[in-house]
Structures are given as C-alpha cells and as structure tokens.
Amino acid sequence: MKVELKPVFEQFVVAQVNAGRFESADAVVEAALSRLQFDDTIDFAPGELDRLLAEGEKSLRDGRGYTLDAVRQHFSAKTAE
C-alpha cells in the first residue's frame, strides 16, 4: 500500500524518526494507526470522560486518593500472599 501525506505530516514523520522515537516512517504510521484504533474502541458519552476526570481530581483533593508508593505496597503485599 502506498500512502501520500501532506508536507506537514511528512515533516512530522521525518522529525520523529530523526529524533530517534521510531526506527522508520512505517513505524510512525503504524503507531498513529494503533492510536486511532485504540481511540475508536473507547466509547464515552459526550462529557462523560470530563466528568470522570473531574470526579477523580476531586477525590484526590479530598484526600481519598492513593500515592504511587501506597499502590506499590498494596500490590507487593498481595504478591507475597
């Protein structure tokens, strides 16, 4: 398959390869398509994601969140059981 890109996208692909983020232009395009495919699998109602993020942020502000260290300790304890 051959794909033609607008110059702005072609420059972006080249920049990604030159920066060492990807081994080839094909890898950049594959990553972009994987992201698009993933985004299509997430089905939030309009505004639902924003509501969930706000709820999570409020939970953290209210002190109901967990630190990364606490989560690691929890899973380490579960693994040890």
PDB file of N, CA and C in Angstrom:
ATOM      1  N   MET A   1       0.840  -1.172   0.000  1.00  0.00           N
ATOM      2  CA  MET A   1       0.000   0.000   0.000  1.00  0.00           C
ATOM      3  C   MET A   1       0.890   1.242   0.000  1.00  0.00           C
ATOM      4  N   LYS A   2       0.521   2.189  -0.785  1.00  0.00           N
ATOM      5  CA  LYS A   2       1.257   3.445  -0.835  1.00  0.00           C
ATOM      6  C   LYS A   2       0.344   4.544  -0.305  1.00  0.00           C
ATOM      7  N   VAL A   3       0.890   5.375   0.564  1.00  0.00           N
ATOM      8  CA  VAL A   3       0.120   6.461   1.167  1.00  0.00           C
ATOM      9  C   VAL A   3       0.859   7.766   0.920  1.00  0.00           C
ATOM     10  N   GLU A   4       0.125   8.785   0.503  1.00  0.00           N
ATOM     11  CA  GLU A   4       0.715  10.103   0.317  1.00  0.00           C
ATOM     12  C   GLU A   4       0.288  10.991   1.465  1.00  0.00           C
ATOM     13  N   LEU A   5       1.255  11.696   2.044  1.00  0.00           N
ATOM     14  CA  LEU A   5       0.983  12.579   3.164  1.00  0.00           C
ATOM     15  C   LEU A   5       1.155  14.029   2.756  1.00  0.00           C
ATOM     16  N   LYS A   6       0.407  14.898   3.415  1.00  0.00           N
ATOM     17  CA  LYS A   6       0.622  16.332   3.225  1.00  0.00           C
ATOM     18  C   LYS A   6       2.017  16.650   3.762  1.00  0.00           C
ATOM     19  N   PRO A   7       2.651  17.681   3.214  1.00  0.00           N
ATOM     20  CA  PRO A   7       4.018  18.011   3.637  1.00  0.00           C
ATOM     21  C   PRO A   7       4.168  18.182   5.153  1.00  0.00           C
ATOM     22  N   VAL A   8       3.196  18.765   5.813  1.00  0.00           N
ATOM     23  CA  VAL A   8       3.304  18.968   7.257  1.00  0.00           C
ATOM     24  C   VAL A   8       3.389  17.635   7.995  1.00  0.00           C
ATOM     25  N   PHE A   9       2.631  16.636   7.535  1.00  0.00           N
ATOM     26  CA  PHE A   9       2.673  15.321   8.169  1.00  0.00           C
ATOM     27  C   PHE A   9       3.951  14.578   7.808  1.00  0.00           C
ATOM     28  N   GLU A  10       4.389  14.742   6.581  1.00  0.00           N
ATOM     29  CA  GLU A  10       5.644  14.117   6.168  1.00  0.00           C
ATOM     30  C   GLU A  10       6.809  14.656   6.998  1.00  0.00           C
ATOM     31  N   GLN A  11       6.824  15.965   7.222  1.00  0.00           N
ATOM     32  CA  GLN A  11       7.865  16.569   8.049  1.00  0.00           C
ATOM     33  C   GLN A  11       7.802  16.037   9.482  1.00  0.00           C
ATOM     34  N   PHE A  12       6.588  15.861   9.991  1.00  0.00           N
ATOM     35  CA  PHE A  12       6.422  15.327  11.340  1.00  0.00           C
ATOM     36  C   PHE A  12       6.979  13.909  11.434  1.00  0.00           C
ATOM     37  N   VAL A  13       6.667  13.085  10.450  1.00  0.00           N
ATOM     38  CA  VAL A  13       7.162  11.704  10.427  1.00  0.00           C
ATOM     39  C   VAL A  13       8.689  11.697  10.394  1.00  0.00           C
ATOM     40  N   VAL A  14       9.267  12.493   9.528  1.00  0.00           N
ATOM     41  CA  VAL A  14      10.719  12.557   9.420  1.00  0.00           C
ATOM     42  C   VAL A  14      11.329  13.025  10.743  1.00  0.00           C
ATOM     43  N   ALA A  15      10.710  14.014  11.374  1.00  0.00           N
ATOM     44  CA  ALA A  15      11.220  14.525  12.649  1.00  0.00           C
ATOM     45  C   ALA A  15      11.178  13.447  13.728  1.00  0.00           C
ATOM     46  N   GLN A  16      10.121  12.629  13.736  1.00  0.00           N
ATOM     47  CA  GLN A  16      10.007  11.563  14.726  1.00  0.00           C
ATOM     48  C   GLN A  16      11.109  10.517  14.542  1.00  0.00           C
ATOM     49  N   VAL A  17      11.388  10.184  13.301  1.00  0.00           N
ATOM     50  CA  VAL A  17      12.454   9.211  13.008  1.00  0.00           C
ATOM     51  C   VAL A  17      13.811   9.823  13.352  1.00  0.00           C
ATOM     52  N   ASN A  18      14.039  11.069  12.948  1.00  0.00           N
ATOM     53  CA  ASN A  18      15.318  11.732  13.225  1.00  0.00           C
ATOM     54  C   ASN A  18      15.569  11.910  14.713  1.00  0.00           C
ATOM     55  N   ALA A  19      14.494  12.079  15.490  1.00  0.00           N
ATOM     56  CA  ALA A  19      14.631  12.241  16.944  1.00  0.00           C
ATOM     57  C   ALA A  19      14.884  10.905  17.636  1.00  0.00           C
ATOM     58  N   GLY A  20      14.794   9.821  16.865  1.00  0.00           N
ATOM     59  CA  GLY A  20      15.046   8.500  17.432  1.00  0.00           C
ATOM     60  C   GLY A  20      13.845   7.879  18.132  1.00  0.00           C
ATOM     61  N   ARG A  21      12.682   8.488  17.994  1.00  0.00           N
ATOM     62  CA  ARG A  21      11.485   7.944  18.634  1.00  0.00           C
ATOM     63  C   ARG A  21      10.992   6.691  17.912  1.00  0.00           C
ATOM     64  N   PHE A  22      11.274   6.604  16.638  1.00  0.00           N
ATOM     65  CA  PHE A  22      10.850   5.466  15.826  1.00  0.00           C
ATOM     66  C   PHE A  22      11.989   5.064  14.899  1.00  0.00           C
ATOM     67  N   GLU A  23      11.992   3.796  14.521  1.00  0.00           N
ATOM     68  CA  GLU A  23      13.047   3.293  13.640  1.00  0.00           C
ATOM     69  C   GLU A  23      12.829   3.642  12.181  1.00  0.00           C
ATOM     70  N   SER A  24      11.555   3.867  11.811  1.00  0.00           N
ATOM     71  CA  SER A  24      11.254   4.117  10.406  1.00  0.00           C
ATOM     72  C   SER A  24       9.953   4.893  10.269  1.00  0.00           C
ATOM     73  N   ALA A  25       9.728   5.397   9.059  1.00  0.00           N
ATOM     74  CA  ALA A  25       8.473   6.086   8.766  1.00  0.00           C
ATOM     75  C   ALA A  25       7.300   5.120   8.923  1.00  0.00           C
ATOM     76  N   ASP A  26       7.491   3.875   8.515  1.00  0.00           N
ATOM     77  CA  ASP A  26       6.434   2.878   8.671  1.00  0.00           C
ATOM     78  C   ASP A  26       6.038   2.711  10.134  1.00  0.00           C
ATOM     79  N   ALA A  27       7.025   2.742  11.031  1.00  0.00           N
ATOM     80  CA  ALA A  27       6.744   2.586  12.457  1.00  0.00           C
ATOM     81  C   ALA A  27       5.938   3.768  13.000  1.00  0.00           C
ATOM     82  N   VAL A  28       6.218   4.968  12.499  1.00  0.00           N
ATOM     83  CA  VAL A  28       5.459   6.152  12.913  1.00  0.00           C
ATOM     84  C   VAL A  28       4.004   6.007  12.481  1.00  0.00           C
ATOM     85  N   VAL A  29       3.801   5.626  11.242  1.00  0.00           N
ATOM     86  CA  VAL A  29       2.443   5.477  10.719  1.00  0.00           C
ATOM     87  C   VAL A  29       1.708   4.363  11.458  1.00  0.00           C
ATOM     88  N   GLU A  30       2.383   3.257  11.733  1.00  0.00           N
ATOM     89  CA  GLU A  30       1.752   2.162  12.473  1.00  0.00           C
ATOM     90  C   GLU A  30       1.343   2.607  13.873  1.00  0.00           C
ATOM     91  N   ALA A  31       2.191   3.399  14.532  1.00  0.00           N
ATOM     92  CA  ALA A  31       1.857   3.905  15.871  1.00  0.00           C
ATOM     93  C   ALA A  31       0.640   4.824  15.813  1.00  0.00           C
ATOM     94  N   ALA A  32       0.608   5.667  14.799  1.00  0.00           N
ATOM     95  CA  ALA A  32      -0.528   6.576  14.648  1.00  0.00           C
ATOM     96  C   ALA A  32      -1.824   5.803  14.404  1.00  0.00           C
ATOM     97  N   LEU A  33      -1.754   4.787  13.578  1.00  0.00           N
ATOM     98  CA  LEU A  33      -2.948   3.981  13.298  1.00  0.00           C
ATOM     99  C   LEU A  33      -3.372   3.178  14.519  1.00  0.00           C
ATOM    100  N   SER A  34      -2.410   2.687  15.286  1.00  0.00           N
ATOM    101  CA  SER A  34      -2.734   1.963  16.520  1.00  0.00           C
ATOM    102  C   SER A  34      -3.454   2.879  17.487  1.00  0.00           C
ATOM    103  N   ARG A  35      -2.970   4.108  17.591  1.00  0.00           N
ATOM    104  CA  ARG A  35      -3.616   5.085  18.476  1.00  0.00           C
ATOM    105  C   ARG A  35      -5.035   5.380  18.004  1.00  0.00           C
ATOM    106  N   LEU A  36      -5.216   5.549  16.727  1.00  0.00           N
ATOM    107  CA  LEU A  36      -6.545   5.807  16.168  1.00  0.00           C
ATOM    108  C   LEU A  36      -7.472   4.634  16.433  1.00  0.00           C
ATOM    109  N   GLN A  37      -6.963   3.431  16.253  1.00  0.00           N
ATOM    110  CA  GLN A  37      -7.753   2.227  16.506  1.00  0.00           C
ATOM    111  C   GLN A  37      -8.142   2.148  17.984  1.00  0.00           C
ATOM    112  N   PHE A  38      -7.200   2.456  18.871  1.00  0.00           N
ATOM    113  CA  PHE A  38      -7.478   2.442  20.304  1.00  0.00           C
ATOM    114  C   PHE A  38      -8.528   3.488  20.652  1.00  0.00           C
ATOM    115  N   ASP A  39      -8.371   4.690  20.125  1.00  0.00           N
ATOM    116  CA  ASP A  39      -9.330   5.760  20.403  1.00  0.00           C
ATOM    117  C   ASP A  39     -10.735   5.370  19.962  1.00  0.00           C
ATOM    118  N   ASP A  40     -10.840   4.629  18.887  1.00  0.00           N
ATOM    119  CA  ASP A  40     -12.152   4.198  18.397  1.00  0.00           C
ATOM    120  C   ASP A  40     -12.798   3.156  19.303  1.00  0.00           C
ATOM    121  N   THR A  41     -11.995   2.479  20.127  1.00  0.00           N
ATOM    122  CA  THR A  41     -12.568   1.454  20.999  1.00  0.00           C
ATOM    123  C   THR A  41     -13.107   2.038  22.297  1.00  0.00           C
ATOM    124  N   ILE A  42     -12.719   3.273  22.618  1.00  0.00           N
ATOM    125  CA  ILE A  42     -13.196   3.920  23.834  1.00  0.00           C
ATOM    126  C   ILE A  42     -14.474   4.661  23.487  1.00  0.00           C
ATOM    127  N   ASP A  43     -15.537   4.301  24.177  1.00  0.00           N
ATOM    128  CA  ASP A  43     -16.837   4.859  23.828  1.00  0.00           C
ATOM    129  C   ASP A  43     -17.445   5.567  25.032  1.00  0.00           C
ATOM    130  N   PHE A  44     -17.066   6.823  25.224  1.00  0.00           N
ATOM    131  CA  PHE A  44     -17.643   7.627  26.290  1.00  0.00           C
ATOM    132  C   PHE A  44     -18.787   8.453  25.729  1.00  0.00           C
ATOM    133  N   ALA A  45     -19.815   8.622  26.532  1.00  0.00           N
ATOM    134  CA  ALA A  45     -20.889   9.533  26.155  1.00  0.00           C
ATOM    135  C   ALA A  45     -20.325  10.951  26.168  1.00  0.00           C
ATOM    136  N   PRO A  46     -20.919  11.860  25.416  1.00  0.00           N
ATOM    137  CA  PRO A  46     -20.415  13.239  25.416  1.00  0.00           C
ATOM    138  C   PRO A  46     -20.331  13.795  26.843  1.00  0.00           C
ATOM    139  N   GLY A  47     -19.155  14.281  27.199  1.00  0.00           N
ATOM    140  CA  GLY A  47     -18.944  14.860  28.518  1.00  0.00           C
ATOM    141  C   GLY A  47     -18.625  13.866  29.615  1.00  0.00           C
ATOM    142  N   GLU A  48     -18.788  12.574  29.346  1.00  0.00           N
ATOM    143  CA  GLU A  48     -18.573  11.557  30.384  1.00  0.00           C
ATOM    144  C   GLU A  48     -17.119  11.504  30.848  1.00  0.00           C
ATOM    145  N   LEU A  49     -16.180  11.544  29.924  1.00  0.00           N
ATOM    146  CA  LEU A  49     -14.771  11.488  30.293  1.00  0.00           C
ATOM    147  C   LEU A  49     -14.398  12.702  31.143  1.00  0.00           C
ATOM    148  N   ASP A  50     -14.861  13.894  30.752  1.00  0.00           N
ATOM    149  CA  ASP A  50     -14.586  15.095  31.541  1.00  0.00           C
ATOM    150  C   ASP A  50     -15.163  14.959  32.946  1.00  0.00           C
ATOM    151  N   ARG A  51     -16.358  14.399  33.068  1.00  0.00           N
ATOM    152  CA  ARG A  51     -16.986  14.210  34.366  1.00  0.00           C
ATOM    153  C   ARG A  51     -16.165  13.245  35.224  1.00  0.00           C
ATOM    154  N   LEU A  52     -15.722  12.154  34.630  1.00  0.00           N
ATOM    155  CA  LEU A  52     -14.929  11.171  35.363  1.00  0.00           C
ATOM    156  C   LEU A  52     -13.586  11.741  35.818  1.00  0.00           C
ATOM    157  N   LEU A  53     -12.947  12.507  34.953  1.00  0.00           N
ATOM    158  CA  LEU A  53     -11.680  13.131  35.328  1.00  0.00           C
ATOM    159  C   LEU A  53     -11.879  14.126  36.464  1.00  0.00           C
ATOM    160  N   ALA A  54     -12.933  14.930  36.387  1.00  0.00           N
ATOM    161  CA  ALA A  54     -13.220  15.903  37.458  1.00  0.00           C
ATOM    162  C   ALA A  54     -13.504  15.178  38.764  1.00  0.00           C
ATOM    163  N   GLU A  55     -14.232  14.072  38.697  1.00  0.00           N
ATOM    164  CA  GLU A  55     -14.532  13.271  39.888  1.00  0.00           C
ATOM    165  C   GLU A  55     -13.240  12.733  40.509  1.00  0.00           C
ATOM    166  N   GLY A  56     -12.329  12.243  39.672  1.00  0.00           N
ATOM    167  CA  GLY A  56     -11.057  11.732  40.165  1.00  0.00           C
ATOM    168  C   GLY A  56     -10.204  12.821  40.786  1.00  0.00           C
ATOM    169  N   GLU A  57     -10.161  13.975  40.146  1.00  0.00           N
ATOM    170  CA  GLU A  57      -9.392  15.091  40.688  1.00  0.00           C
ATOM    171  C   GLU A  57      -9.959  15.559  42.028  1.00  0.00           C
ATOM    172  N   LYS A  58     -11.289  15.598  42.160  1.00  0.00           N
ATOM    173  CA  LYS A  58     -11.918  15.983  43.427  1.00  0.00           C
ATOM    174  C   LYS A  58     -11.581  14.960  44.504  1.00  0.00           C
ATOM    175  N   SER A  59     -11.601  13.702  44.143  1.00  0.00           N
ATOM    176  CA  SER A  59     -11.257  12.645  45.083  1.00  0.00           C
ATOM    177  C   SER A  59      -9.840  12.849  45.625  1.00  0.00           C
ATOM    178  N   LEU A  60      -8.914  13.195  44.753  1.00  0.00           N
ATOM    179  CA  LEU A  60      -7.533  13.445  45.186  1.00  0.00           C
ATOM    180  C   LEU A  60      -7.461  14.663  46.102  1.00  0.00           C
ATOM    181  N   ARG A  61      -8.161  15.729  45.737  1.00  0.00           N
ATOM    182  CA  ARG A  61      -8.161  16.940  46.572  1.00  0.00           C
ATOM    183  C   ARG A  61      -8.757  16.664  47.948  1.00  0.00           C
ATOM    184  N   ASP A  62      -9.735  15.770  48.008  1.00  0.00           N
ATOM    185  CA  ASP A  62     -10.395  15.419  49.275  1.00  0.00           C
ATOM    186  C   ASP A  62      -9.598  14.409  50.087  1.00  0.00           C
ATOM    187  N   GLY A  63      -8.437  14.017  49.578  1.00  0.00           N
ATOM    188  CA  GLY A  63      -7.577  13.093  50.315  1.00  0.00           C
ATOM    189  C   GLY A  63      -7.992  11.640  50.197  1.00  0.00           C
ATOM    190  N   ARG A  64      -8.815  11.321  49.210  1.00  0.00           N
ATOM    191  CA  ARG A  64      -9.263   9.941  49.039  1.00  0.00           C
ATOM    192  C   ARG A  64      -8.458   9.196  47.984  1.00  0.00           C
ATOM    193  N   GLY A  65      -7.376   9.800  47.529  1.00  0.00           N
ATOM    194  CA  GLY A  65      -6.551   9.146  46.524  1.00  0.00           C
ATOM    195  C   GLY A  65      -5.453   8.322  47.161  1.00  0.00           C
ATOM    196  N   TYR A  66      -4.686   7.657  46.341  1.00  0.00           N
ATOM    197  CA  TYR A  66      -3.574   6.827  46.790  1.00  0.00           C
ATOM    198  C   TYR A  66      -2.296   7.301  46.126  1.00  0.00           C
ATOM    199  N   THR A  67      -1.221   7.302  46.891  1.00  0.00           N
ATOM    200  CA  THR A  67       0.071   7.630  46.308  1.00  0.00           C
ATOM    201  C   THR A  67       0.572   6.422  45.528  1.00  0.00           C
ATOM    202  N   LEU A  68       1.513   6.651  44.663  1.00  0.00           N
ATOM    203  CA  LEU A  68       2.104   5.560  43.910  1.00  0.00           C
ATOM    204  C   LEU A  68       2.774   4.566  44.855  1.00  0.00           C
ATOM    205  N   ASP A  69       3.427   5.073  45.895  1.00  0.00           N
ATOM    206  CA  ASP A  69       4.065   4.180  46.869  1.00  0.00           C
ATOM    207  C   ASP A  69       3.042   3.296  47.570  1.00  0.00           C
ATOM    208  N   ALA A  70       1.884   3.849  47.904  1.00  0.00           N
ATOM    209  CA  ALA A  70       0.844   3.060  48.567  1.00  0.00           C
ATOM    210  C   ALA A  70       0.326   1.955  47.645  1.00  0.00           C
ATOM    211  N   VAL A  71       0.169   2.278  46.380  1.00  0.00           N
ATOM    212  CA  VAL A  71      -0.296   1.281  45.413  1.00  0.00           C
ATOM    213  C   VAL A  71       0.748   0.181  45.262  1.00  0.00           C
ATOM    214  N   ARG A  72       2.012   0.567  45.179  1.00  0.00           N
ATOM    215  CA  ARG A  72       3.092  -0.435  45.058  1.00  0.00           C
ATOM    216  C   ARG A  72       3.121  -1.348  46.285  1.00  0.00           C
ATOM    217  N   GLN A  73       2.990  -0.754  47.471  1.00  0.00           N
ATOM    218  CA  GLN A  73       2.990  -1.555  48.705  1.00  0.00           C
ATOM    219  C   GLN A  73       1.817  -2.525  48.719  1.00  0.00           C
ATOM    220  N   HIS A  74       0.651  -2.054  48.296  1.00  0.00           N
ATOM    221  CA  HIS A  74      -0.532  -2.905  48.255  1.00  0.00           C
ATOM    222  C   HIS A  74      -0.300  -4.119  47.359  1.00  0.00           C
ATOM    223  N   PHE A  75       0.205  -3.872  46.157  1.00  0.00           N
ATOM    224  CA  PHE A  75       0.408  -4.989  45.220  1.00  0.00           C
ATOM    225  C   PHE A  75       1.574  -5.884  45.630  1.00  0.00           C
ATOM    226  N   SER A  76       2.572  -5.309  46.272  1.00  0.00           N
ATOM    227  CA  SER A  76       3.667  -6.140  46.776  1.00  0.00           C
ATOM    228  C   SER A  76       3.149  -7.067  47.851  1.00  0.00           C
ATOM    229  N   ALA A  77       2.277  -6.567  48.712  1.00  0.00           N
ATOM    230  CA  ALA A  77       1.709  -7.400  49.781  1.00  0.00           C
ATOM    231  C   ALA A  77       0.838  -8.495  49.174  1.00  0.00           C
ATOM    232  N   LYS A  78       0.055  -8.156  48.161  1.00  0.00           N
ATOM    233  CA  LYS A  78      -0.816  -9.161  47.515  1.00  0.00           C
ATOM    234  C   LYS A  78       0.024 -10.234  46.832  1.00  0.00           C
ATOM    235  N   THR A  79       1.127  -9.829  46.222  1.00  0.00           N
ATOM    236  CA  THR A  79       2.003 -10.776  45.548  1.00  0.00           C
ATOM    237  C   THR A  79       2.660 -11.724  46.554  1.00  0.00           C
ATOM    238  N   ALA A  80       2.981 -11.190  47.719  1.00  0.00           N
ATOM    239  CA  ALA A  80       3.628 -12.003  48.752  1.00  0.00           C
ATOM    240  C   ALA A  80       2.688 -13.022  49.371  1.00  0.00           C
ATOM    241  N   GLU A  81       1.383 -12.757  49.295  1.00  0.00           N
ATOM    242  CA  GLU A  81       0.400 -13.683  49.911  1.00  0.00           C
ATOM    243  C   GLU A  81       0.327 -15.004  49.199  1.00  0.00           C
TER     244      GLU A  81
END
